[in-house]
Amino acid sequence: MKNITKWLEIIEIRTASNNSEKLDRALESLIESFRDGQNQGKIRIYRCYAVHSDFSIHLLHKSKKPDTSGSELGHHLAASLKEFGLLNHQVWHEMKYNLKTI
């Protein structure tokens, strides 16, 4: 596949500590719907080791051109998770460098 760009959506959420179990269940449900759908790409969810109420959801995509405003799935996740706390949604694209291991 020529001219394919790898891009990443990151949805960060900081929730109140009393909301984190509810958010855990919501994330589990959202992951199941992601698996059931016809979505391409990968999804990874991280929880901050030091601050257990901080989560980071990474959606990895490959396409001819990145969607600079985010994917449909990314917008759906962001809208669904907004109720849990402060949310940040960003789109990043992979840089093409010929780097050697240091």
C-alpha atoms as a PDB file:
ATOM      1  CA  MET A   1       0.000   0.000   0.000  1.00  0.00           C
ATOM      2  CA  LYS A   2       1.721   3.116  -1.229  1.00  0.00           C
ATOM      3  CA  ASN A   3       1.303   6.557   0.283  1.00  0.00           C
ATOM      4  CA  ILE A   4      -0.270   5.239   3.457  1.00  0.00           C
ATOM      5  CA  THR A   5      -0.017   7.489   6.484  1.00  0.00           C
ATOM      6  CA  LYS A   6      -0.103   6.206  10.034  1.00  0.00           C
ATOM      7  CA  TRP A   7      -1.964   8.511  12.365  1.00  0.00           C
ATOM      8  CA  LEU A   8      -3.046   8.454  15.944  1.00  0.00           C
ATOM      9  CA  GLU A   9      -5.943   9.883  17.894  1.00  0.00           C
ATOM     10  CA  ILE A  10      -5.425  10.385  21.584  1.00  0.00           C
ATOM     11  CA  ILE A  11      -8.361  10.932  23.886  1.00  0.00           C
ATOM     12  CA  GLU A  12      -7.247  11.824  27.382  1.00  0.00           C
ATOM     13  CA  ILE A  13      -9.695  11.940  30.231  1.00  0.00           C
ATOM     14  CA  ARG A  14      -9.282  12.981  33.860  1.00  0.00           C
ATOM     15  CA  THR A  15     -12.188  11.866  35.973  1.00  0.00           C
ATOM     16  CA  ALA A  16     -13.051  12.310  39.630  1.00  0.00           C
ATOM     17  CA  SER A  17     -11.691   9.399  41.634  1.00  0.00           C
ATOM     18  CA  ASN A  18     -15.229   8.343  42.616  1.00  0.00           C
ATOM     19  CA  ASN A  19     -16.080   8.057  38.887  1.00  0.00           C
ATOM     20  CA  SER A  20     -13.179   5.850  37.822  1.00  0.00           C
ATOM     21  CA  GLU A  21     -14.958   2.495  38.344  1.00  0.00           C
ATOM     22  CA  LYS A  22     -17.928   3.720  36.321  1.00  0.00           C
ATOM     23  CA  LEU A  23     -15.524   4.909  33.616  1.00  0.00           C
ATOM     24  CA  ASP A  24     -13.803   1.497  33.665  1.00  0.00           C
ATOM     25  CA  ARG A  25     -17.129  -0.186  32.874  1.00  0.00           C
ATOM     26  CA  ALA A  26     -17.938   2.355  30.143  1.00  0.00           C
ATOM     27  CA  LEU A  27     -14.537   1.812  28.521  1.00  0.00           C
ATOM     28  CA  GLU A  28     -15.042  -1.955  28.591  1.00  0.00           C
ATOM     29  CA  SER A  29     -18.400  -1.531  26.870  1.00  0.00           C
ATOM     30  CA  LEU A  30     -16.960   0.838  24.271  1.00  0.00           C
ATOM     31  CA  ILE A  31     -14.143  -1.609  23.521  1.00  0.00           C
ATOM     32  CA  GLU A  32     -16.663  -4.389  22.929  1.00  0.00           C
ATOM     33  CA  SER A  33     -18.587  -2.222  20.472  1.00  0.00           C
ATOM     34  CA  PHE A  34     -15.294  -1.373  18.730  1.00  0.00           C
ATOM     35  CA  ARG A  35     -14.543  -5.097  18.322  1.00  0.00           C
ATOM     36  CA  ASP A  36     -18.048  -5.802  17.014  1.00  0.00           C
ATOM     37  CA  GLY A  37     -17.959  -3.010  14.435  1.00  0.00           C
ATOM     38  CA  GLN A  38     -16.206  -2.930  11.088  1.00  0.00           C
ATOM     39  CA  ASN A  39     -13.609  -0.440  12.331  1.00  0.00           C
ATOM     40  CA  GLN A  40     -10.085  -0.717  11.029  1.00  0.00           C
ATOM     41  CA  GLY A  41      -7.085   0.077  13.143  1.00  0.00           C
ATOM     42  CA  LYS A  42      -6.175  -0.618  16.726  1.00  0.00           C
ATOM     43  CA  ILE A  43      -7.257   0.729  20.053  1.00  0.00           C
ATOM     44  CA  ARG A  44      -5.185   0.879  23.224  1.00  0.00           C
ATOM     45  CA  ILE A  45      -6.257   2.168  26.620  1.00  0.00           C
ATOM     46  CA  TYR A  46      -3.795   3.306  29.260  1.00  0.00           C
ATOM     47  CA  ARG A  47      -4.281   4.302  32.870  1.00  0.00           C
ATOM     48  CA  CYS A  48      -1.820   6.601  34.571  1.00  0.00           C
ATOM     49  CA  TYR A  49       0.284   4.666  37.041  1.00  0.00           C
ATOM     50  CA  ALA A  50       0.532   7.579  39.507  1.00  0.00           C
ATOM     51  CA  VAL A  51      -2.927   9.138  39.033  1.00  0.00           C
ATOM     52  CA  HIS A  52      -5.509   6.349  38.738  1.00  0.00           C
ATOM     53  CA  SER A  53      -8.221   8.726  37.575  1.00  0.00           C
ATOM     54  CA  ASP A  54      -6.310   9.618  34.353  1.00  0.00           C
ATOM     55  CA  PHE A  55      -6.908   7.558  31.224  1.00  0.00           C
ATOM     56  CA  SER A  56      -5.490   7.790  27.706  1.00  0.00           C
ATOM     57  CA  ILE A  57      -7.203   6.101  24.754  1.00  0.00           C
ATOM     58  CA  HIS A  58      -5.116   5.660  21.622  1.00  0.00           C
ATOM     59  CA  LEU A  59      -6.727   4.923  18.263  1.00  0.00           C
ATOM     60  CA  LEU A  60      -4.158   3.903  15.654  1.00  0.00           C
ATOM     61  CA  HIS A  61      -5.141   4.392  12.019  1.00  0.00           C
ATOM     62  CA  LYS A  62      -3.666   3.865   8.561  1.00  0.00           C
ATOM     63  CA  SER A  63      -5.077   5.682   5.552  1.00  0.00           C
ATOM     64  CA  LYS A  64      -4.060   7.649   2.483  1.00  0.00           C
ATOM     65  CA  LYS A  65      -4.747  10.896   4.297  1.00  0.00           C
ATOM     66  CA  PRO A  66      -5.244  11.459   8.028  1.00  0.00           C
ATOM     67  CA  ASP A  67      -8.538  12.953   9.100  1.00  0.00           C
ATOM     68  CA  THR A  68      -7.270  16.105  10.806  1.00  0.00           C
ATOM     69  CA  SER A  69     -10.441  16.486  12.856  1.00  0.00           C
ATOM     70  CA  GLY A  70     -10.455  12.855  14.010  1.00  0.00           C
ATOM     71  CA  SER A  71     -12.300   9.711  13.039  1.00  0.00           C
ATOM     72  CA  GLU A  72     -15.970   8.958  13.485  1.00  0.00           C
ATOM     73  CA  LEU A  73     -15.030   6.479  16.207  1.00  0.00           C
ATOM     74  CA  GLY A  74     -12.845   9.071  17.952  1.00  0.00           C
ATOM     75  CA  HIS A  75     -15.673  11.603  17.978  1.00  0.00           C
ATOM     76  CA  HIS A  76     -18.100   8.970  19.232  1.00  0.00           C
ATOM     77  CA  LEU A  77     -15.761   7.983  22.069  1.00  0.00           C
ATOM     78  CA  ALA A  78     -15.079  11.602  23.011  1.00  0.00           C
ATOM     79  CA  ALA A  79     -18.811  12.413  23.088  1.00  0.00           C
ATOM     80  CA  SER A  80     -19.567   9.283  25.137  1.00  0.00           C
ATOM     81  CA  LEU A  81     -16.814   9.969  27.668  1.00  0.00           C
ATOM     82  CA  LYS A  82     -17.364  13.711  28.112  1.00  0.00           C
ATOM     83  CA  GLU A  83     -19.698  13.116  31.044  1.00  0.00           C
ATOM     84  CA  PHE A  84     -16.901  11.533  33.094  1.00  0.00           C
ATOM     85  CA  GLY A  85     -14.633  14.551  33.386  1.00  0.00           C
ATOM     86  CA  LEU A  86     -12.113  16.759  31.610  1.00  0.00           C
ATOM     87  CA  LEU A  87     -11.423  15.527  28.098  1.00  0.00           C
ATOM     88  CA  ASN A  88      -8.798  16.287  25.463  1.00  0.00           C
ATOM     89  CA  HIS A  89      -8.989  14.875  21.901  1.00  0.00           C
ATOM     90  CA  GLN A  90      -6.024  15.277  19.526  1.00  0.00           C
ATOM     91  CA  VAL A  91      -4.912  13.908  16.153  1.00  0.00           C
ATOM     92  CA  TRP A  92      -1.238  13.151  15.467  1.00  0.00           C
ATOM     93  CA  HIS A  93       0.419  11.862  12.327  1.00  0.00           C
ATOM     94  CA  GLU A  94       3.574   9.790  12.109  1.00  0.00           C
ATOM     95  CA  MET A  95       6.673  11.571  10.874  1.00  0.00           C
ATOM     96  CA  LYS A  96       8.749   9.796   8.223  1.00  0.00           C
ATOM     97  CA  TYR A  97      12.389   9.897   9.262  1.00  0.00           C
ATOM     98  CA  ASN A  98      15.152   7.471   8.536  1.00  0.00           C
ATOM     99  CA  LEU A  99      16.328   7.181  12.128  1.00  0.00           C
ATOM    100  CA  LYS A 100      18.936   4.770  13.378  1.00  0.00           C
ATOM    101  CA  THR A 101      18.828   3.323  16.854  1.00  0.00           C
ATOM    102  CA  ILE A 102      20.871   5.389  19.259  1.00  0.00           C
END
